Protein backbone atom coordinates (compact mmCIF):
# COMPACT_ATOMS: atom_id res chain seq x y z
CA UNK A 1 -24.30 6.75 -11.40
CA UNK A 2 -24.38 7.37 -7.63
CA UNK A 3 -20.80 5.35 -6.86
CA UNK A 4 -19.14 7.61 -9.74
CA UNK A 5 -20.54 10.80 -8.24
CA UNK A 6 -19.60 10.13 -4.60
CA UNK A 7 -15.95 9.16 -6.17
CA UNK A 8 -15.86 12.15 -7.79
CA UNK A 9 -16.85 14.45 -5.02
CA UNK A 10 -14.16 12.22 -2.78
CA UNK A 11 -11.94 13.24 -5.63
CA UNK A 12 -13.11 17.15 -5.53
CA UNK A 13 -13.07 17.18 -1.79
CA UNK A 14 -9.49 15.84 -0.98
CA UNK A 15 -10.59 12.46 -0.07
CA UNK A 16 -13.30 13.26 2.04
CA UNK A 17 -15.18 10.67 3.96
CA UNK A 18 -16.86 7.47 2.24
CA UNK A 19 -20.25 8.72 4.19
CA UNK A 20 -19.88 12.30 3.46
CA UNK A 21 -19.07 11.69 -0.34
CA UNK A 22 -21.85 9.48 -0.35
CA UNK A 23 -24.49 11.47 1.41
CA UNK A 24 -23.22 14.46 -0.88
CA UNK A 25 -23.75 12.45 -4.25
CA UNK A 26 -27.72 11.37 -2.93
CA UNK A 27 -28.11 15.19 -2.28
CA UNK A 28 -26.96 16.05 -5.68
CA UNK A 29 -28.98 13.34 -7.83
CA UNK A 30 -31.93 14.34 -5.86
CA UNK A 31 -31.72 17.69 -7.25
CA UNK A 32 -31.50 16.70 -10.85
CA UNK A 33 -34.77 14.64 -10.12
CA UNK A 34 -37.11 14.99 -13.13
CA UNK A 35 -40.43 15.63 -11.06
CA UNK A 36 -38.42 18.32 -9.40
CA UNK A 37 -37.14 19.85 -12.86
CA UNK A 38 -40.57 19.83 -14.48
CA UNK A 39 -41.77 21.57 -11.93
CA UNK A 40 -39.05 24.35 -11.77
CA UNK A 41 -39.89 25.05 -15.51
CA UNK A 42 -43.22 25.04 -14.62
CA UNK A 43 -42.88 28.21 -11.97
CA UNK A 44 -40.68 30.16 -14.83
CA UNK A 45 -37.52 29.13 -14.61
CA UNK A 46 -35.22 28.44 -17.66
CA UNK A 47 -33.58 25.36 -18.52
CA UNK A 48 -30.30 27.73 -17.73
CA UNK A 49 -31.54 29.37 -14.78
CA UNK A 50 -31.63 25.53 -13.07
CA UNK A 51 -28.48 24.74 -14.52
CA UNK A 52 -26.74 27.77 -13.05
CA UNK A 53 -28.74 26.51 -9.39
CA UNK A 54 -27.95 23.43 -10.38
CA UNK A 55 -23.89 24.00 -10.38
CA UNK A 56 -24.28 26.39 -7.39
CA UNK A 57 -25.46 23.90 -5.42
CA UNK A 58 -22.57 21.45 -6.31
CA UNK A 59 -20.27 23.90 -5.55
CA UNK A 60 -22.05 24.34 -1.84
CA UNK A 61 -22.24 20.63 -1.31
CA UNK A 62 -18.60 20.15 -2.69
CA UNK A 63 -16.97 22.85 -0.33
CA UNK A 64 -19.18 21.48 2.41
CA UNK A 65 -17.51 18.19 2.34
CA UNK A 66 -14.23 19.54 2.50
CA UNK A 67 -14.52 21.23 5.22
CA UNK A 68 -15.98 17.86 6.74
């Protein structure tokens, strides 16, 4: 999963450095960890709100990787 995400980030960020794309992939995957999702749901966030937040995080990380 990490390798695929790293490749997608490199493609989306117009050839970002492998180290930057690799770190970004780890950051995005950590946001999908089930313990985090369960905690967010338990605090009252809806699935839709979590998806929106994760999408915003992904966009921000890809934009930041483009600038690196």
